[in-house]
PDB file of all heavy atoms in Angstrom:
ATOM      1  N   THR A   1       3.822  -4.626  -8.581  1.00  0.00           N
ATOM      2  CA  THR A   1       2.729  -3.845  -8.003  1.00  0.00           C
ATOM      3  C   THR A   1       2.689  -3.992  -6.492  1.00  0.00           C
ATOM      4  O   THR A   1       2.570  -3.001  -5.760  1.00  0.00           O
ATOM      5  CB  THR A   1       1.387  -4.297  -8.613  1.00  0.00           C
ATOM      6  OG1 THR A   1       1.410  -4.061 -10.020  1.00  0.00           O
ATOM      7  CG2 THR A   1       0.225  -3.541  -7.994  1.00  0.00           C
ATOM      8  N   ALA A   2       2.780  -5.228  -6.013  1.00  0.00           N
ATOM      9  CA  ALA A   2       2.752  -5.466  -4.575  1.00  0.00           C
ATOM     10  C   ALA A   2       3.905  -4.759  -3.879  1.00  0.00           C
ATOM     11  O   ALA A   2       3.737  -4.194  -2.789  1.00  0.00           O
ATOM     12  CB  ALA A   2       2.797  -6.964  -4.294  1.00  0.00           C
ATOM     13  N   GLY A   3       5.078  -4.757  -4.510  1.00  0.00           N
ATOM     14  CA  GLY A   3       6.229  -4.071  -3.921  1.00  0.00           C
ATOM     15  C   GLY A   3       6.020  -2.571  -3.844  1.00  0.00           C
ATOM     16  O   GLY A   3       6.325  -1.943  -2.818  1.00  0.00           O
ATOM     17  N   MET A   4       5.498  -1.976  -4.907  1.00  0.00           N
ATOM     18  CA  MET A   4       5.254  -0.531  -4.907  1.00  0.00           C
ATOM     19  C   MET A   4       4.206  -0.148  -3.862  1.00  0.00           C
ATOM     20  O   MET A   4       4.334   0.877  -3.183  1.00  0.00           O
ATOM     21  CB  MET A   4       4.825  -0.065  -6.298  1.00  0.00           C
ATOM     22  CG  MET A   4       5.942  -0.047  -7.314  1.00  0.00           C
ATOM     23  SD  MET A   4       5.453   0.674  -8.916  1.00  0.00           S
ATOM     24  CE  MET A   4       4.566  -0.706  -9.660  1.00  0.00           C
ATOM     25  N   ILE A   5       3.178  -0.975  -3.735  1.00  0.00           N
ATOM     26  CA  ILE A   5       2.127  -0.689  -2.755  1.00  0.00           C
ATOM     27  C   ILE A   5       2.668  -0.805  -1.334  1.00  0.00           C
ATOM     28  O   ILE A   5       2.377   0.034  -0.469  1.00  0.00           O
ATOM     29  CB  ILE A   5       0.928  -1.624  -2.965  1.00  0.00           C
ATOM     30  CG1 ILE A   5       0.221  -1.274  -4.280  1.00  0.00           C
ATOM     31  CG2 ILE A   5      -0.053  -1.529  -1.797  1.00  0.00           C
ATOM     32  CD1 ILE A   5      -0.866  -2.259  -4.682  1.00  0.00           C
ATOM     33  N   THR A   6       3.476  -1.823  -1.076  1.00  0.00           N
ATOM     34  CA  THR A   6       4.090  -1.982   0.247  1.00  0.00           C
ATOM     35  C   THR A   6       4.930  -0.764   0.597  1.00  0.00           C
ATOM     36  O   THR A   6       4.885  -0.250   1.729  1.00  0.00           O
ATOM     37  CB  THR A   6       4.962  -3.248   0.282  1.00  0.00           C
ATOM     38  OG1 THR A   6       4.138  -4.389   0.061  1.00  0.00           O
ATOM     39  CG2 THR A   6       5.663  -3.398   1.630  1.00  0.00           C
ATOM     40  N   ASN A   7       5.690  -0.269  -0.373  1.00  0.00           N
ATOM     41  CA  ASN A   7       6.502   0.930  -0.139  1.00  0.00           C
ATOM     42  C   ASN A   7       5.630   2.149   0.130  1.00  0.00           C
ATOM     43  O   ASN A   7       5.946   2.971   0.993  1.00  0.00           O
ATOM     44  CB  ASN A   7       7.406   1.190  -1.349  1.00  0.00           C
ATOM     45  CG  ASN A   7       8.478   0.135  -1.512  1.00  0.00           C
ATOM     46  OD1 ASN A   7       8.854  -0.540  -0.562  1.00  0.00           O
ATOM     47  ND2 ASN A   7       8.970  -0.029  -2.726  1.00  0.00           N
ATOM     48  N   ALA A   8       4.534   2.277  -0.614  1.00  0.00           N
ATOM     49  CA  ALA A   8       3.631   3.417  -0.425  1.00  0.00           C
ATOM     50  C   ALA A   8       2.992   3.384   0.955  1.00  0.00           C
ATOM     51  O   ALA A   8       2.842   4.428   1.609  1.00  0.00           O
ATOM     52  CB  ALA A   8       2.553   3.415  -1.509  1.00  0.00           C
ATOM     53  N   VAL A   9       2.613   2.184   1.415  1.00  0.00           N
ATOM     54  CA  VAL A   9       2.015   2.055   2.750  1.00  0.00           C
ATOM     55  C   VAL A   9       2.979   2.569   3.813  1.00  0.00           C
ATOM     56  O   VAL A   9       2.581   3.261   4.758  1.00  0.00           O
ATOM     57  CB  VAL A   9       1.629   0.579   3.016  1.00  0.00           C
ATOM     58  CG1 VAL A   9       1.311   0.360   4.494  1.00  0.00           C
ATOM     59  CG2 VAL A   9       0.432   0.180   2.156  1.00  0.00           C
ATOM     60  N   LYS A  10       4.256   2.283   3.649  1.00  0.00           N
ATOM     61  CA  LYS A  10       5.254   2.707   4.626  1.00  0.00           C
ATOM     62  C   LYS A  10       5.592   4.191   4.508  1.00  0.00           C
ATOM     63  O   LYS A  10       5.793   4.869   5.508  1.00  0.00           O
ATOM     64  CB  LYS A  10       6.534   1.890   4.452  1.00  0.00           C
ATOM     65  CG  LYS A  10       6.386   0.417   4.786  1.00  0.00           C
ATOM     66  CD  LYS A  10       7.685  -0.327   4.511  1.00  0.00           C
ATOM     67  CE  LYS A  10       7.552  -1.811   4.820  1.00  0.00           C
ATOM     68  NZ  LYS A  10       8.801  -2.559   4.502  1.00  0.00           N
ATOM     69  N   LEU A  11       5.674   4.683   3.261  1.00  0.00           N
ATOM     70  CA  LEU A  11       6.204   6.025   3.034  1.00  0.00           C
ATOM     71  C   LEU A  11       5.160   7.126   3.177  1.00  0.00           C
ATOM     72  O   LEU A  11       5.477   8.224   3.652  1.00  0.00           O
ATOM     73  CB  LEU A  11       6.837   6.106   1.644  1.00  0.00           C
ATOM     74  CG  LEU A  11       8.166   5.379   1.456  1.00  0.00           C
ATOM     75  CD1 LEU A  11       8.526   5.296  -0.023  1.00  0.00           C
ATOM     76  CD2 LEU A  11       9.283   6.102   2.217  1.00  0.00           C
ATOM     77  N   VAL A  12       3.919   6.902   2.739  1.00  0.00           N
ATOM     78  CA  VAL A  12       2.954   8.007   2.687  1.00  0.00           C
ATOM     79  C   VAL A  12       2.633   8.600   4.067  1.00  0.00           C
ATOM     80  O   VAL A  12       2.716   9.839   4.217  1.00  0.00           O
ATOM     81  CB  VAL A  12       1.703   7.572   1.909  1.00  0.00           C
ATOM     82  CG1 VAL A  12       0.617   8.639   1.997  1.00  0.00           C
ATOM     83  CG2 VAL A  12       2.061   7.322   0.428  1.00  0.00           C
ATOM     84  N   PRO A  13       2.265   7.816   5.102  1.00  0.00           N
ATOM     85  CA  PRO A  13       1.959   6.383   5.118  1.00  0.00           C
ATOM     86  C   PRO A  13       0.473   6.147   4.880  1.00  0.00           C
ATOM     87  O   PRO A  13      -0.340   7.051   4.976  1.00  0.00           O
ATOM     88  CB  PRO A  13       2.340   5.986   6.539  1.00  0.00           C
ATOM     89  CG  PRO A  13       2.010   7.209   7.354  1.00  0.00           C
ATOM     90  CD  PRO A  13       2.281   8.400   6.468  1.00  0.00           C
ATOM     91  N   LEU A  14       0.148   4.874   4.597  1.00  0.00           N
ATOM     92  CA  LEU A  14      -1.236   4.462   4.400  1.00  0.00           C
ATOM     93  C   LEU A  14      -1.544   3.312   5.360  1.00  0.00           C
ATOM     94  O   LEU A  14      -0.633   2.655   5.863  1.00  0.00           O
ATOM     95  CB  LEU A  14      -1.462   3.977   2.963  1.00  0.00           C
ATOM     96  CG  LEU A  14      -1.158   4.957   1.827  1.00  0.00           C
ATOM     97  CD1 LEU A  14      -1.284   4.238   0.490  1.00  0.00           C
ATOM     98  CD2 LEU A  14      -2.082   6.154   1.879  1.00  0.00           C
ATOM     99  N   GLY A  15      -2.820   3.040   5.555  1.00  0.00           N
ATOM    100  CA  GLY A  15      -3.206   1.878   6.328  1.00  0.00           C
ATOM    101  C   GLY A  15      -3.015   0.611   5.510  1.00  0.00           C
ATOM    102  O   GLY A  15      -3.047   0.645   4.273  1.00  0.00           O
ATOM    103  N   GLN A  16      -2.824  -0.509   6.187  1.00  0.00           N
ATOM    104  CA  GLN A  16      -2.638  -1.771   5.484  1.00  0.00           C
ATOM    105  C   GLN A  16      -3.838  -2.100   4.593  1.00  0.00           C
ATOM    106  O   GLN A  16      -3.684  -2.619   3.488  1.00  0.00           O
ATOM    107  CB  GLN A  16      -2.410  -2.895   6.501  1.00  0.00           C
ATOM    108  CG  GLN A  16      -1.095  -2.793   7.273  1.00  0.00           C
ATOM    109  CD  GLN A  16       0.118  -3.028   6.402  1.00  0.00           C
ATOM    110  OE1 GLN A  16       0.001  -3.566   5.297  1.00  0.00           O
ATOM    111  NE2 GLN A  16       1.286  -2.631   6.870  1.00  0.00           N
ATOM    112  N   LEU A  17      -5.046  -1.803   5.056  1.00  0.00           N
ATOM    113  CA  LEU A  17      -6.227  -2.084   4.248  1.00  0.00           C
ATOM    114  C   LEU A  17      -6.321  -1.163   3.038  1.00  0.00           C
ATOM    115  O   LEU A  17      -6.852  -1.539   1.991  1.00  0.00           O
ATOM    116  CB  LEU A  17      -7.498  -1.985   5.101  1.00  0.00           C
ATOM    117  CG  LEU A  17      -7.629  -3.064   6.184  1.00  0.00           C
ATOM    118  CD1 LEU A  17      -8.925  -2.879   6.966  1.00  0.00           C
ATOM    119  CD2 LEU A  17      -7.575  -4.460   5.575  1.00  0.00           C
ATOM    120  N   ASP A  18      -5.789   0.068   3.173  1.00  0.00           N
ATOM    121  CA  ASP A  18      -5.710   0.953   2.006  1.00  0.00           C
ATOM    122  C   ASP A  18      -4.857   0.309   0.924  1.00  0.00           C
ATOM    123  O   ASP A  18      -5.195   0.339  -0.263  1.00  0.00           O
ATOM    124  CB  ASP A  18      -5.093   2.301   2.398  1.00  0.00           C
ATOM    125  CG  ASP A  18      -6.026   3.149   3.239  1.00  0.00           C
ATOM    126  OD1 ASP A  18      -7.247   3.034   3.067  1.00  0.00           O
ATOM    127  OD2 ASP A  18      -5.526   3.925   4.088  1.00  0.00           O
ATOM    128  N   GLY A  19      -3.749  -0.266   1.355  1.00  0.00           N
ATOM    129  CA  GLY A  19      -2.860  -0.936   0.398  1.00  0.00           C
ATOM    130  C   GLY A  19      -3.552  -2.094  -0.294  1.00  0.00           C
ATOM    131  O   GLY A  19      -3.416  -2.279  -1.516  1.00  0.00           O
ATOM    132  N   GLN A  20      -4.301  -2.881   0.458  1.00  0.00           N
ATOM    133  CA  GLN A  20      -5.015  -4.005  -0.137  1.00  0.00           C
ATOM    134  C   GLN A  20      -6.094  -3.536  -1.098  1.00  0.00           C
ATOM    135  O   GLN A  20      -6.316  -4.150  -2.154  1.00  0.00           O
ATOM    136  CB  GLN A  20      -5.618  -4.880   0.964  1.00  0.00           C
ATOM    137  CG  GLN A  20      -4.586  -5.599   1.819  1.00  0.00           C
ATOM    138  CD  GLN A  20      -3.644  -6.454   0.984  1.00  0.00           C
ATOM    139  OE1 GLN A  20      -4.080  -7.330   0.230  1.00  0.00           O
ATOM    140  NE2 GLN A  20      -2.355  -6.193   1.090  1.00  0.00           N
ATOM    141  N   ASP A  21      -6.752  -2.440  -0.769  1.00  0.00           N
ATOM    142  CA  ASP A  21      -7.771  -1.903  -1.677  1.00  0.00           C
ATOM    143  C   ASP A  21      -7.151  -1.451  -3.001  1.00  0.00           C
ATOM    144  O   ASP A  21      -7.736  -1.638  -4.070  1.00  0.00           O
ATOM    145  CB  ASP A  21      -8.508  -0.736  -1.017  1.00  0.00           C
ATOM    146  CG  ASP A  21      -9.475  -1.196   0.071  1.00  0.00           C
ATOM    147  OD1 ASP A  21      -9.838  -2.382   0.079  1.00  0.00           O
ATOM    148  OD2 ASP A  21      -9.857  -0.353   0.915  1.00  0.00           O
ATOM    149  N   ILE A  22      -5.960  -0.851  -2.923  1.00  0.00           N
ATOM    150  CA  ILE A  22      -5.265  -0.446  -4.152  1.00  0.00           C
ATOM    151  C   ILE A  22      -4.929  -1.679  -4.983  1.00  0.00           C
ATOM    152  O   ILE A  22      -5.118  -1.691  -6.205  1.00  0.00           O
ATOM    153  CB  ILE A  22      -3.987   0.352  -3.812  1.00  0.00           C
ATOM    154  CG1 ILE A  22      -4.340   1.686  -3.143  1.00  0.00           C
ATOM    155  CG2 ILE A  22      -3.172   0.611  -5.084  1.00  0.00           C
ATOM    156  CD1 ILE A  22      -3.127   2.445  -2.622  1.00  0.00           C
ATOM    157  N   LEU A  23      -4.445  -2.727  -4.321  1.00  0.00           N
ATOM    158  CA  LEU A  23      -4.091  -3.952  -5.037  1.00  0.00           C
ATOM    159  C   LEU A  23      -5.317  -4.557  -5.719  1.00  0.00           C
ATOM    160  O   LEU A  23      -5.263  -4.948  -6.889  1.00  0.00           O
ATOM    161  CB  LEU A  23      -3.470  -4.949  -4.060  1.00  0.00           C
ATOM    162  CG  LEU A  23      -2.886  -6.236  -4.664  1.00  0.00           C
ATOM    163  CD1 LEU A  23      -1.812  -5.919  -5.706  1.00  0.00           C
ATOM    164  CD2 LEU A  23      -2.301  -7.110  -3.563  1.00  0.00           C
ATOM    165  N   PHE A  24      -6.441  -4.627  -5.000  1.00  0.00           N
ATOM    166  CA  PHE A  24      -7.681  -5.136  -5.600  1.00  0.00           C
ATOM    167  C   PHE A  24      -8.049  -4.336  -6.853  1.00  0.00           C
ATOM    168  O   PHE A  24      -8.428  -4.902  -7.881  1.00  0.00           O
ATOM    169  CB  PHE A  24      -8.837  -5.050  -4.601  1.00  0.00           C
ATOM    170  CG  PHE A  24      -8.818  -6.102  -3.536  1.00  0.00           C
ATOM    171  CD1 PHE A  24      -9.060  -5.761  -2.210  1.00  0.00           C
ATOM    172  CD2 PHE A  24      -8.582  -7.436  -3.834  1.00  0.00           C
ATOM    173  CE1 PHE A  24      -9.061  -6.720  -1.216  1.00  0.00           C
ATOM    174  CE2 PHE A  24      -8.575  -8.405  -2.845  1.00  0.00           C
ATOM    175  CZ  PHE A  24      -8.821  -8.052  -1.529  1.00  0.00           C
TER     176      PHE A  24
END
């Protein structure tokens, strides 16, 4: 999950906090 979210943050791109919110 963390790997997919990290990739999404880079590719979409998203903000780092967006990624953390998805993980939560």
